[in-house]
N, C-alpha and C. Protein backbone atom coordinates (compact mmCIF):
# COMPACT_ATOMS: atom_id res chain seq x y z
N MET A 1 -3.49 12.71 32.26
CA MET A 1 -3.57 11.40 32.88
C MET A 1 -4.98 10.83 32.75
N LEU A 2 -6.00 11.68 32.97
CA LEU A 2 -7.37 11.21 32.86
C LEU A 2 -7.70 10.76 31.44
N PHE A 3 -7.21 11.52 30.46
CA PHE A 3 -7.45 11.14 29.06
C PHE A 3 -6.78 9.81 28.76
N ARG A 4 -5.56 9.64 29.23
CA ARG A 4 -4.82 8.39 29.00
C ARG A 4 -5.53 7.20 29.64
N GLU A 5 -5.96 7.38 30.86
CA GLU A 5 -6.63 6.28 31.54
C GLU A 5 -7.98 5.97 30.89
N GLY A 6 -8.63 7.00 30.37
CA GLY A 6 -9.88 6.77 29.66
C GLY A 6 -9.67 5.94 28.40
N LEU A 7 -8.58 6.21 27.67
CA LEU A 7 -8.26 5.42 26.49
C LEU A 7 -7.99 3.97 26.86
N VAL A 8 -7.26 3.77 27.94
CA VAL A 8 -6.96 2.41 28.39
C VAL A 8 -8.25 1.65 28.65
N ARG A 9 -9.15 2.26 29.38
CA ARG A 9 -10.41 1.59 29.72
C ARG A 9 -11.23 1.30 28.47
N LEU A 10 -11.29 2.27 27.55
CA LEU A 10 -12.03 2.08 26.31
C LEU A 10 -11.49 0.90 25.51
N LEU A 11 -10.19 0.85 25.33
CA LEU A 11 -9.58 -0.22 24.54
C LEU A 11 -9.76 -1.58 25.21
N GLN A 12 -9.64 -1.61 26.52
CA GLN A 12 -9.84 -2.87 27.22
C GLN A 12 -11.28 -3.35 27.10
N GLU A 13 -12.23 -2.43 27.18
CA GLU A 13 -13.63 -2.80 27.04
C GLU A 13 -13.94 -3.35 25.66
N LYS A 14 -13.16 -2.93 24.66
CA LYS A 14 -13.34 -3.41 23.29
C LYS A 14 -12.54 -4.68 23.00
N GLY A 15 -11.93 -5.23 24.05
CA GLY A 15 -11.24 -6.51 23.91
C GLY A 15 -9.78 -6.44 23.54
N HIS A 16 -9.18 -5.27 23.63
CA HIS A 16 -7.76 -5.13 23.28
C HIS A 16 -6.89 -5.19 24.54
N ASP A 17 -5.72 -5.76 24.41
CA ASP A 17 -4.76 -5.80 25.51
C ASP A 17 -3.92 -4.53 25.51
N VAL A 18 -3.89 -3.82 26.61
CA VAL A 18 -3.06 -2.64 26.75
C VAL A 18 -1.87 -3.03 27.62
N VAL A 19 -0.68 -3.03 27.02
CA VAL A 19 0.50 -3.54 27.74
C VAL A 19 1.20 -2.46 28.54
N ALA A 20 0.94 -1.18 28.24
CA ALA A 20 1.58 -0.09 28.99
C ALA A 20 0.82 1.20 28.73
N ALA A 21 0.86 2.09 29.71
CA ALA A 21 0.31 3.44 29.58
C ALA A 21 1.29 4.37 30.27
N VAL A 22 1.97 5.20 29.49
CA VAL A 22 3.09 5.98 30.02
C VAL A 22 2.87 7.46 29.80
N ALA A 23 3.67 8.28 30.49
CA ALA A 23 3.42 9.71 30.53
C ALA A 23 4.39 10.56 29.73
N ASP A 24 5.52 10.02 29.29
CA ASP A 24 6.48 10.85 28.57
C ASP A 24 7.13 10.08 27.42
N ALA A 25 7.83 10.81 26.57
CA ALA A 25 8.36 10.25 25.33
C ALA A 25 9.38 9.14 25.58
N GLN A 26 10.26 9.32 26.54
CA GLN A 26 11.28 8.30 26.80
C GLN A 26 10.63 7.03 27.33
N ALA A 27 9.66 7.19 28.23
CA ALA A 27 8.96 6.01 28.75
C ALA A 27 8.22 5.29 27.64
N LEU A 28 7.71 6.04 26.67
CA LEU A 28 7.06 5.44 25.51
C LEU A 28 8.02 4.54 24.75
N LYS A 29 9.19 5.06 24.43
CA LYS A 29 10.17 4.27 23.68
C LYS A 29 10.63 3.05 24.47
N ASP A 30 10.79 3.22 25.77
CA ASP A 30 11.20 2.10 26.62
C ASP A 30 10.11 1.02 26.64
N ALA A 31 8.85 1.44 26.74
CA ALA A 31 7.74 0.48 26.80
C ALA A 31 7.60 -0.29 25.50
N VAL A 32 7.78 0.39 24.36
CA VAL A 32 7.71 -0.30 23.08
C VAL A 32 8.82 -1.32 22.97
N GLY A 33 10.01 -0.94 23.39
CA GLY A 33 11.13 -1.88 23.34
C GLY A 33 10.93 -3.09 24.23
N GLU A 34 10.25 -2.90 25.35
CA GLU A 34 10.02 -4.00 26.28
C GLU A 34 8.88 -4.92 25.84
N HIS A 35 7.79 -4.34 25.36
CA HIS A 35 6.58 -5.12 25.10
C HIS A 35 6.36 -5.46 23.62
N LEU A 36 6.99 -4.73 22.70
CA LEU A 36 6.82 -4.94 21.26
C LEU A 36 5.34 -5.05 20.88
N PRO A 37 4.57 -4.01 21.11
CA PRO A 37 3.13 -4.05 20.81
C PRO A 37 2.87 -3.95 19.31
N GLU A 38 1.63 -4.19 18.93
CA GLU A 38 1.23 -4.03 17.53
C GLU A 38 0.98 -2.56 17.20
N LEU A 39 0.61 -1.78 18.21
CA LEU A 39 0.22 -0.39 17.98
C LEU A 39 0.61 0.46 19.17
N ALA A 40 1.05 1.69 18.88
CA ALA A 40 1.30 2.68 19.92
C ALA A 40 0.40 3.89 19.64
N ILE A 41 -0.36 4.31 20.62
CA ILE A 41 -1.19 5.51 20.52
C ILE A 41 -0.44 6.63 21.24
N ILE A 42 -0.13 7.69 20.52
CA ILE A 42 0.84 8.67 21.00
C ILE A 42 0.29 10.09 20.89
N ASP A 43 0.43 10.85 21.96
CA ASP A 43 0.09 12.27 21.91
C ASP A 43 1.23 13.00 21.21
N VAL A 44 0.90 13.87 20.24
CA VAL A 44 1.93 14.63 19.54
C VAL A 44 2.77 15.42 20.53
N ARG A 45 2.12 16.00 21.53
CA ARG A 45 2.84 16.78 22.54
C ARG A 45 2.92 15.99 23.84
N MET A 46 4.14 15.66 24.24
CA MET A 46 4.37 14.90 25.47
C MET A 46 5.50 15.55 26.26
N PRO A 47 5.60 15.26 27.55
CA PRO A 47 6.76 15.68 28.32
C PRO A 47 8.02 15.03 27.72
N PRO A 48 9.20 15.62 27.86
CA PRO A 48 9.48 16.70 28.81
C PRO A 48 9.18 18.11 28.33
N THR A 49 9.18 18.40 27.01
CA THR A 49 9.04 19.79 26.58
C THR A 49 7.60 20.17 26.25
N MET A 50 6.72 19.16 26.07
CA MET A 50 5.34 19.41 25.69
C MET A 50 5.24 20.14 24.35
N GLU A 51 6.21 19.87 23.47
CA GLU A 51 6.15 20.43 22.12
C GLU A 51 5.88 19.27 21.16
N SER A 52 6.88 18.84 20.41
CA SER A 52 6.65 17.73 19.46
C SER A 52 7.32 16.44 19.93
N ASP A 53 7.47 16.29 21.24
CA ASP A 53 8.18 15.12 21.77
C ASP A 53 7.53 13.80 21.34
N GLY A 54 6.20 13.77 21.35
CA GLY A 54 5.51 12.55 20.95
C GLY A 54 5.72 12.24 19.49
N ALA A 55 5.61 13.26 18.63
CA ALA A 55 5.83 13.06 17.19
C ALA A 55 7.26 12.64 16.92
N ASP A 56 8.21 13.25 17.62
CA ASP A 56 9.62 12.88 17.44
C ASP A 56 9.87 11.44 17.86
N ALA A 57 9.24 11.04 18.97
CA ALA A 57 9.38 9.66 19.43
C ALA A 57 8.77 8.70 18.42
N ALA A 58 7.64 9.09 17.84
CA ALA A 58 7.00 8.24 16.84
C ALA A 58 7.90 8.02 15.64
N ALA A 59 8.58 9.09 15.19
CA ALA A 59 9.49 8.97 14.05
C ALA A 59 10.65 8.03 14.39
N ALA A 60 11.16 8.13 15.61
CA ALA A 60 12.25 7.24 16.03
C ALA A 60 11.77 5.80 16.11
N LEU A 61 10.55 5.60 16.61
CA LEU A 61 10.00 4.25 16.70
C LEU A 61 9.78 3.65 15.31
N ARG A 62 9.38 4.48 14.34
CA ARG A 62 9.20 3.99 12.98
C ARG A 62 10.52 3.44 12.43
N ASP A 63 11.63 4.13 12.74
CA ASP A 63 12.94 3.66 12.28
C ASP A 63 13.32 2.34 12.95
N ASP A 64 13.04 2.23 14.25
CA ASP A 64 13.47 1.05 15.00
C ASP A 64 12.51 -0.13 14.86
N TYR A 65 11.24 0.17 14.66
CA TYR A 65 10.22 -0.89 14.59
C TYR A 65 9.29 -0.61 13.39
N PRO A 66 9.73 -0.92 12.18
CA PRO A 66 8.96 -0.55 10.98
C PRO A 66 7.56 -1.13 10.94
N GLU A 67 7.32 -2.25 11.62
CA GLU A 67 6.00 -2.88 11.58
C GLU A 67 5.05 -2.33 12.64
N LEU A 68 5.52 -1.48 13.51
CA LEU A 68 4.70 -0.94 14.59
C LEU A 68 3.67 0.05 14.05
N GLY A 69 2.41 -0.15 14.38
CA GLY A 69 1.39 0.82 14.03
C GLY A 69 1.50 2.04 14.93
N LEU A 70 1.33 3.21 14.34
CA LEU A 70 1.46 4.47 15.08
C LEU A 70 0.19 5.29 14.88
N LEU A 71 -0.52 5.55 15.96
CA LEU A 71 -1.70 6.40 15.89
C LEU A 71 -1.45 7.63 16.76
N LEU A 72 -1.26 8.78 16.12
CA LEU A 72 -0.97 10.00 16.84
C LEU A 72 -2.25 10.79 17.11
N LEU A 73 -2.29 11.40 18.28
CA LEU A 73 -3.43 12.22 18.67
C LEU A 73 -2.95 13.63 18.98
N SER A 74 -3.79 14.61 18.68
CA SER A 74 -3.41 16.00 18.95
C SER A 74 -4.66 16.81 19.26
N GLN A 75 -4.51 17.82 20.11
CA GLN A 75 -5.63 18.70 20.41
C GLN A 75 -5.95 19.61 19.24
N HIS A 76 -4.89 20.02 18.52
CA HIS A 76 -5.05 20.90 17.37
C HIS A 76 -4.27 20.30 16.20
N ILE A 77 -4.56 20.76 15.01
CA ILE A 77 -3.87 20.25 13.83
C ILE A 77 -2.44 20.75 13.82
N GLU A 78 -1.49 19.82 13.85
CA GLU A 78 -0.07 20.12 13.79
C GLU A 78 0.55 19.17 12.77
N LEU A 79 0.79 19.66 11.57
CA LEU A 79 1.19 18.78 10.47
C LEU A 79 2.70 18.60 10.34
N ARG A 80 3.44 19.64 10.53
CA ARG A 80 4.88 19.56 10.24
C ARG A 80 5.61 18.50 11.06
N PRO A 81 5.28 18.31 12.33
CA PRO A 81 6.02 17.29 13.10
C PRO A 81 5.79 15.86 12.61
N VAL A 82 4.71 15.64 11.85
CA VAL A 82 4.38 14.27 11.44
C VAL A 82 4.56 14.06 9.94
N LEU A 83 5.10 15.05 9.24
CA LEU A 83 5.20 14.99 7.78
C LEU A 83 5.92 13.73 7.31
N SER A 84 6.99 13.34 7.98
CA SER A 84 7.78 12.19 7.53
C SER A 84 7.02 10.87 7.68
N LEU A 85 5.96 10.86 8.50
CA LEU A 85 5.23 9.62 8.76
C LEU A 85 4.02 9.43 7.86
N VAL A 86 3.49 10.54 7.35
CA VAL A 86 2.30 10.45 6.52
C VAL A 86 2.61 9.66 5.25
N GLY A 87 1.77 8.69 4.95
CA GLY A 87 1.96 7.86 3.78
C GLY A 87 2.68 6.57 4.06
N THR A 88 3.18 6.40 5.28
CA THR A 88 3.83 5.14 5.63
C THR A 88 2.78 4.15 6.12
N PRO A 89 3.05 2.86 5.97
CA PRO A 89 2.08 1.84 6.44
C PRO A 89 1.85 1.95 7.94
N GLY A 90 0.62 1.70 8.35
CA GLY A 90 0.31 1.68 9.77
C GLY A 90 0.48 3.02 10.44
N PHE A 91 -0.11 4.06 9.84
CA PHE A 91 -0.01 5.40 10.45
C PHE A 91 -1.37 6.06 10.49
N GLY A 92 -1.68 6.70 11.60
CA GLY A 92 -2.90 7.47 11.74
C GLY A 92 -2.66 8.74 12.51
N TYR A 93 -3.49 9.75 12.22
CA TYR A 93 -3.38 11.03 12.91
C TYR A 93 -4.80 11.57 13.11
N LEU A 94 -5.24 11.60 14.35
CA LEU A 94 -6.59 12.04 14.69
C LEU A 94 -6.55 13.17 15.71
N LEU A 95 -7.52 14.05 15.62
CA LEU A 95 -7.72 15.03 16.68
C LEU A 95 -8.36 14.34 17.87
N LYS A 96 -8.05 14.82 19.05
CA LYS A 96 -8.54 14.17 20.27
C LYS A 96 -10.07 14.16 20.34
N ASP A 97 -10.71 15.15 19.75
CA ASP A 97 -12.16 15.16 19.75
C ASP A 97 -12.74 13.94 19.07
N ARG A 98 -11.97 13.34 18.14
CA ARG A 98 -12.44 12.18 17.40
C ARG A 98 -12.64 10.99 18.32
N VAL A 99 -11.96 10.98 19.45
CA VAL A 99 -12.08 9.87 20.39
C VAL A 99 -13.51 9.80 20.94
N LEU A 100 -14.21 10.92 20.92
CA LEU A 100 -15.58 10.95 21.45
C LEU A 100 -16.52 10.12 20.59
N ASP A 101 -16.17 9.95 19.33
CA ASP A 101 -16.95 9.06 18.46
C ASP A 101 -16.32 7.68 18.59
N LEU A 102 -16.79 6.92 19.56
CA LEU A 102 -16.11 5.70 19.96
C LEU A 102 -16.00 4.68 18.83
N ALA A 103 -17.06 4.52 18.07
CA ALA A 103 -17.03 3.51 17.01
C ALA A 103 -15.99 3.86 15.97
N ASP A 104 -15.94 5.13 15.54
CA ASP A 104 -14.96 5.55 14.53
C ASP A 104 -13.54 5.44 15.08
N PHE A 105 -13.38 5.80 16.36
CA PHE A 105 -12.04 5.76 16.93
C PHE A 105 -11.53 4.32 17.02
N VAL A 106 -12.35 3.42 17.52
CA VAL A 106 -11.93 2.02 17.63
C VAL A 106 -11.65 1.44 16.25
N ALA A 107 -12.47 1.82 15.26
CA ALA A 107 -12.23 1.35 13.89
C ALA A 107 -10.88 1.85 13.37
N ALA A 108 -10.54 3.10 13.69
CA ALA A 108 -9.26 3.65 13.27
C ALA A 108 -8.10 2.93 13.96
N VAL A 109 -8.26 2.66 15.25
CA VAL A 109 -7.23 1.94 16.01
C VAL A 109 -6.96 0.58 15.36
N GLU A 110 -8.01 -0.14 15.06
CA GLU A 110 -7.86 -1.48 14.50
C GLU A 110 -7.30 -1.44 13.08
N ARG A 111 -7.70 -0.42 12.31
CA ARG A 111 -7.21 -0.29 10.93
C ARG A 111 -5.71 0.00 10.92
N VAL A 112 -5.26 0.92 11.77
CA VAL A 112 -3.84 1.26 11.82
C VAL A 112 -3.02 0.08 12.33
N ALA A 113 -3.54 -0.64 13.31
CA ALA A 113 -2.84 -1.80 13.85
C ALA A 113 -2.63 -2.87 12.77
N ARG A 114 -3.54 -2.92 11.80
CA ARG A 114 -3.42 -3.89 10.70
C ARG A 114 -2.53 -3.39 9.57
N GLY A 115 -1.97 -2.18 9.72
CA GLY A 115 -1.10 -1.65 8.68
C GLY A 115 -1.77 -0.65 7.78
N GLY A 116 -3.03 -0.29 8.08
CA GLY A 116 -3.74 0.69 7.28
C GLY A 116 -3.48 2.11 7.74
N SER A 117 -4.35 3.01 7.32
CA SER A 117 -4.16 4.42 7.65
C SER A 117 -5.45 5.03 8.18
N ALA A 118 -5.29 6.15 8.88
CA ALA A 118 -6.45 6.88 9.40
C ALA A 118 -6.04 8.33 9.61
N LEU A 119 -6.58 9.21 8.79
CA LEU A 119 -6.32 10.64 8.94
C LEU A 119 -7.62 11.34 9.25
N ASP A 120 -7.57 12.24 10.23
CA ASP A 120 -8.76 12.95 10.65
C ASP A 120 -9.33 13.78 9.50
N PRO A 121 -10.65 13.73 9.31
CA PRO A 121 -11.26 14.54 8.24
C PRO A 121 -10.93 16.02 8.36
N GLU A 122 -10.81 16.54 9.59
CA GLU A 122 -10.48 17.95 9.76
C GLU A 122 -9.08 18.26 9.27
N VAL A 123 -8.17 17.30 9.45
CA VAL A 123 -6.80 17.48 8.96
C VAL A 123 -6.82 17.59 7.44
N VAL A 124 -7.53 16.67 6.81
CA VAL A 124 -7.60 16.67 5.35
C VAL A 124 -8.27 17.94 4.84
N ARG A 125 -9.37 18.35 5.47
CA ARG A 125 -10.07 19.55 5.02
C ARG A 125 -9.19 20.79 5.18
N SER A 126 -8.42 20.85 6.25
CA SER A 126 -7.55 22.02 6.44
C SER A 126 -6.49 22.08 5.36
N LEU A 127 -6.02 20.92 4.93
CA LEU A 127 -5.04 20.88 3.86
C LEU A 127 -5.63 21.36 2.55
N VAL A 128 -6.86 20.93 2.29
CA VAL A 128 -7.51 21.36 1.06
C VAL A 128 -7.70 22.87 1.06
N ARG A 129 -8.14 23.43 2.19
CA ARG A 129 -8.38 24.86 2.27
C ARG A 129 -7.11 25.67 2.15
N SER A 130 -6.00 25.12 2.65
CA SER A 130 -4.77 25.91 2.72
C SER A 130 -3.91 25.78 1.48
N THR A 131 -4.27 24.90 0.58
CA THR A 131 -3.44 24.65 -0.58
C THR A 131 -3.89 25.51 -1.76
N SER A 132 -2.93 26.14 -2.41
CA SER A 132 -3.25 26.94 -3.59
C SER A 132 -2.11 26.85 -4.59
N ALA A 133 -2.41 27.13 -5.87
CA ALA A 133 -1.41 27.12 -6.93
C ALA A 133 -0.58 25.85 -6.89
N SER A 134 -1.21 24.71 -6.81
CA SER A 134 -0.51 23.45 -6.72
C SER A 134 -1.14 22.45 -7.65
N ALA A 135 -0.61 21.22 -7.60
CA ALA A 135 -1.16 20.14 -8.42
C ALA A 135 -2.61 19.87 -8.06
N LEU A 136 -3.00 20.21 -6.84
CA LEU A 136 -4.37 19.96 -6.41
C LEU A 136 -5.37 20.79 -7.20
N ASP A 137 -4.91 21.91 -7.77
CA ASP A 137 -5.80 22.74 -8.54
C ASP A 137 -6.34 22.01 -9.77
N ALA A 138 -5.63 20.97 -10.18
CA ALA A 138 -6.05 20.22 -11.36
C ALA A 138 -7.16 19.22 -11.04
N LEU A 139 -7.38 18.97 -9.75
CA LEU A 139 -8.39 17.99 -9.36
C LEU A 139 -9.79 18.60 -9.40
N SER A 140 -10.73 17.79 -9.85
CA SER A 140 -12.12 18.23 -9.84
C SER A 140 -12.66 18.17 -8.41
N GLU A 141 -13.82 18.79 -8.21
CA GLU A 141 -14.43 18.76 -6.88
C GLU A 141 -14.73 17.33 -6.45
N ARG A 142 -15.20 16.51 -7.39
CA ARG A 142 -15.50 15.11 -7.06
C ARG A 142 -14.23 14.35 -6.72
N GLU A 143 -13.15 14.62 -7.46
CA GLU A 143 -11.88 13.94 -7.17
C GLU A 143 -11.36 14.33 -5.80
N LEU A 144 -11.56 15.58 -5.40
CA LEU A 144 -11.17 16.00 -4.06
C LEU A 144 -12.00 15.29 -3.00
N ASP A 145 -13.29 15.12 -3.28
CA ASP A 145 -14.15 14.39 -2.35
C ASP A 145 -13.64 12.96 -2.17
N VAL A 146 -13.31 12.32 -3.28
CA VAL A 146 -12.82 10.94 -3.22
C VAL A 146 -11.49 10.89 -2.47
N LEU A 147 -10.60 11.82 -2.78
CA LEU A 147 -9.29 11.83 -2.13
C LEU A 147 -9.42 12.06 -0.63
N ARG A 148 -10.36 12.93 -0.23
CA ARG A 148 -10.57 13.17 1.20
C ARG A 148 -10.96 11.88 1.91
N LEU A 149 -11.86 11.12 1.31
CA LEU A 149 -12.30 9.87 1.92
C LEU A 149 -11.20 8.82 1.91
N VAL A 150 -10.39 8.80 0.87
CA VAL A 150 -9.24 7.90 0.83
C VAL A 150 -8.30 8.21 1.99
N ALA A 151 -8.04 9.49 2.21
CA ALA A 151 -7.13 9.90 3.26
C ALA A 151 -7.65 9.54 4.64
N GLU A 152 -8.97 9.44 4.76
CA GLU A 152 -9.56 9.03 6.04
C GLU A 152 -9.46 7.53 6.25
N GLY A 153 -9.01 6.81 5.22
CA GLY A 153 -8.80 5.37 5.36
C GLY A 153 -9.91 4.51 4.80
N HIS A 154 -10.85 5.09 4.05
CA HIS A 154 -11.96 4.32 3.51
C HIS A 154 -11.55 3.53 2.26
N THR A 155 -12.14 2.37 2.08
CA THR A 155 -11.92 1.58 0.89
C THR A 155 -12.73 2.15 -0.27
N ASN A 156 -12.43 1.68 -1.49
CA ASN A 156 -13.20 2.12 -2.65
C ASN A 156 -14.67 1.79 -2.49
N THR A 157 -14.95 0.62 -1.93
CA THR A 157 -16.34 0.21 -1.74
C THR A 157 -17.06 1.17 -0.80
N ALA A 158 -16.41 1.51 0.31
CA ALA A 158 -17.02 2.44 1.27
C ALA A 158 -17.20 3.82 0.66
N ILE A 159 -16.23 4.25 -0.14
CA ILE A 159 -16.33 5.56 -0.79
C ILE A 159 -17.51 5.58 -1.76
N ALA A 160 -17.64 4.49 -2.52
CA ALA A 160 -18.76 4.40 -3.46
C ALA A 160 -20.10 4.53 -2.74
N GLU A 161 -20.21 3.89 -1.58
CA GLU A 161 -21.45 3.95 -0.82
C GLU A 161 -21.70 5.35 -0.28
N LYS A 162 -20.65 6.00 0.21
CA LYS A 162 -20.82 7.33 0.80
C LYS A 162 -21.18 8.37 -0.25
N LEU A 163 -20.62 8.23 -1.46
CA LEU A 163 -20.83 9.23 -2.50
C LEU A 163 -21.87 8.81 -3.53
N PHE A 164 -22.48 7.65 -3.28
CA PHE A 164 -23.51 7.13 -4.18
C PHE A 164 -22.98 6.97 -5.61
N LEU A 165 -21.80 6.35 -5.70
CA LEU A 165 -21.16 6.09 -6.98
C LEU A 165 -20.96 4.59 -7.14
N SER A 166 -20.67 4.17 -8.35
CA SER A 166 -20.31 2.77 -8.57
C SER A 166 -18.84 2.58 -8.22
N GLY A 167 -18.47 1.32 -7.94
CA GLY A 167 -17.07 1.03 -7.64
C GLY A 167 -16.15 1.40 -8.79
N ARG A 168 -16.60 1.16 -10.01
CA ARG A 168 -15.77 1.48 -11.18
C ARG A 168 -15.56 2.99 -11.32
N THR A 169 -16.58 3.76 -10.96
CA THR A 169 -16.44 5.21 -11.04
C THR A 169 -15.41 5.70 -10.03
N VAL A 170 -15.44 5.15 -8.82
CA VAL A 170 -14.44 5.52 -7.81
C VAL A 170 -13.04 5.15 -8.30
N GLU A 171 -12.89 3.96 -8.86
CA GLU A 171 -11.59 3.56 -9.39
C GLU A 171 -11.11 4.51 -10.48
N SER A 172 -12.03 4.96 -11.32
CA SER A 172 -11.68 5.90 -12.38
C SER A 172 -11.22 7.23 -11.79
N HIS A 173 -11.94 7.70 -10.77
CA HIS A 173 -11.52 8.94 -10.11
C HIS A 173 -10.14 8.80 -9.49
N MET A 174 -9.87 7.65 -8.87
CA MET A 174 -8.57 7.46 -8.24
C MET A 174 -7.45 7.41 -9.27
N ARG A 175 -7.69 6.76 -10.41
CA ARG A 175 -6.67 6.75 -11.46
C ARG A 175 -6.37 8.17 -11.93
N SER A 176 -7.42 8.97 -12.03
CA SER A 176 -7.24 10.36 -12.45
C SER A 176 -6.47 11.16 -11.41
N VAL A 177 -6.80 10.94 -10.12
CA VAL A 177 -6.09 11.63 -9.04
C VAL A 177 -4.60 11.28 -9.07
N PHE A 178 -4.30 9.99 -9.16
CA PHE A 178 -2.90 9.57 -9.18
C PHE A 178 -2.17 10.19 -10.36
N SER A 179 -2.82 10.20 -11.50
CA SER A 179 -2.20 10.75 -12.71
C SER A 179 -1.93 12.24 -12.56
N LYS A 180 -2.93 12.99 -12.07
CA LYS A 180 -2.78 14.43 -11.93
C LYS A 180 -1.76 14.82 -10.87
N LEU A 181 -1.63 13.97 -9.83
CA LEU A 181 -0.67 14.26 -8.76
C LEU A 181 0.70 13.67 -9.03
N GLY A 182 0.85 12.98 -10.17
CA GLY A 182 2.15 12.44 -10.54
C GLY A 182 2.61 11.29 -9.69
N LEU A 183 1.66 10.49 -9.18
CA LEU A 183 1.99 9.35 -8.33
C LEU A 183 2.01 8.09 -9.20
N ASP A 184 3.21 7.69 -9.60
CA ASP A 184 3.35 6.52 -10.46
C ASP A 184 3.02 5.25 -9.70
N ASP A 185 2.57 4.25 -10.42
CA ASP A 185 2.25 2.95 -9.82
C ASP A 185 3.53 2.17 -9.62
N ASP A 186 4.06 2.18 -8.40
CA ASP A 186 5.30 1.47 -8.10
C ASP A 186 5.04 0.17 -7.37
N GLY A 187 3.76 -0.25 -7.33
CA GLY A 187 3.43 -1.49 -6.65
C GLY A 187 3.12 -1.31 -5.17
N SER A 188 3.26 -0.10 -4.66
CA SER A 188 3.00 0.14 -3.24
C SER A 188 1.51 0.15 -2.96
N THR A 189 1.12 -0.56 -1.91
CA THR A 189 -0.29 -0.58 -1.52
C THR A 189 -0.69 0.71 -0.84
N HIS A 190 0.29 1.59 -0.58
CA HIS A 190 0.00 2.82 0.14
C HIS A 190 0.12 4.04 -0.76
N ARG A 191 0.09 3.83 -2.07
CA ARG A 191 0.08 4.96 -2.99
C ARG A 191 -1.13 5.85 -2.73
N ARG A 192 -2.23 5.25 -2.30
CA ARG A 192 -3.44 6.02 -2.00
C ARG A 192 -3.16 7.08 -0.94
N VAL A 193 -2.48 6.68 0.12
CA VAL A 193 -2.21 7.62 1.21
C VAL A 193 -1.15 8.64 0.80
N LEU A 194 -0.24 8.24 -0.10
CA LEU A 194 0.79 9.17 -0.54
C LEU A 194 0.18 10.39 -1.23
N ALA A 195 -1.03 10.26 -1.73
CA ALA A 195 -1.70 11.42 -2.32
C ALA A 195 -1.83 12.54 -1.29
N VAL A 196 -1.98 12.16 -0.02
CA VAL A 196 -2.12 13.17 1.03
C VAL A 196 -0.81 13.93 1.23
N VAL A 197 0.31 13.27 0.98
CA VAL A 197 1.61 13.95 1.10
C VAL A 197 1.66 15.15 0.17
N THR A 198 1.01 15.02 -0.99
CA THR A 198 0.98 16.14 -1.92
C THR A 198 0.34 17.35 -1.29
N TYR A 199 -0.69 17.13 -0.46
CA TYR A 199 -1.29 18.24 0.27
C TYR A 199 -0.22 18.95 1.10
N LEU A 200 0.54 18.14 1.83
CA LEU A 200 1.52 18.71 2.77
C LEU A 200 2.64 19.42 2.03
N GLU A 201 3.12 18.81 0.95
CA GLU A 201 4.23 19.40 0.22
C GLU A 201 3.82 20.66 -0.54
N SER A 202 2.52 20.84 -0.72
CA SER A 202 2.04 22.00 -1.46
C SER A 202 1.77 23.21 -0.57
N ARG A 203 1.96 23.03 0.73
CA ARG A 203 1.68 24.13 1.66
C ARG A 203 2.67 25.25 1.48
């Protein structure tokens, strides 16, 4: 409850309207149906079972409200409950510790609400460490660096600045990543995030 109320206060102080703050998965679905918000911030583990109730509710909300932004929070990395959501528009998954970095957290909230993505760097790093004998083995160290930053939701321009590369070099790395991971250009603006699905499917 304290964590939830803290989030409410933080978002309100940053100028966002919080239409509901609820304690369990069913109340979450009811509140979304009543208020039709732009974004729902959801704990992966919620009552009644305190297992994957929040993630399950998020998947159901994605089916019922495709335009709803979903930002999931978790104390520990739990990938399997959210696998179906990764790569979809307006999805984020952060560890709760990330909330302590207020600027990054608020930026992630606003990015997901606009239809973008936000994946915790620790989630991405754990996927890289745990993956073996997969398509990822074909990626160079630099391509993995670029892909990690893409998965965190950074633009090519931001990636170029962080890695001290030119924009064209980042674009070249991304074309190589897509090619090596077999991600065809189908016109989707979220092909970048779909690269992260390869991490999950390779586990």
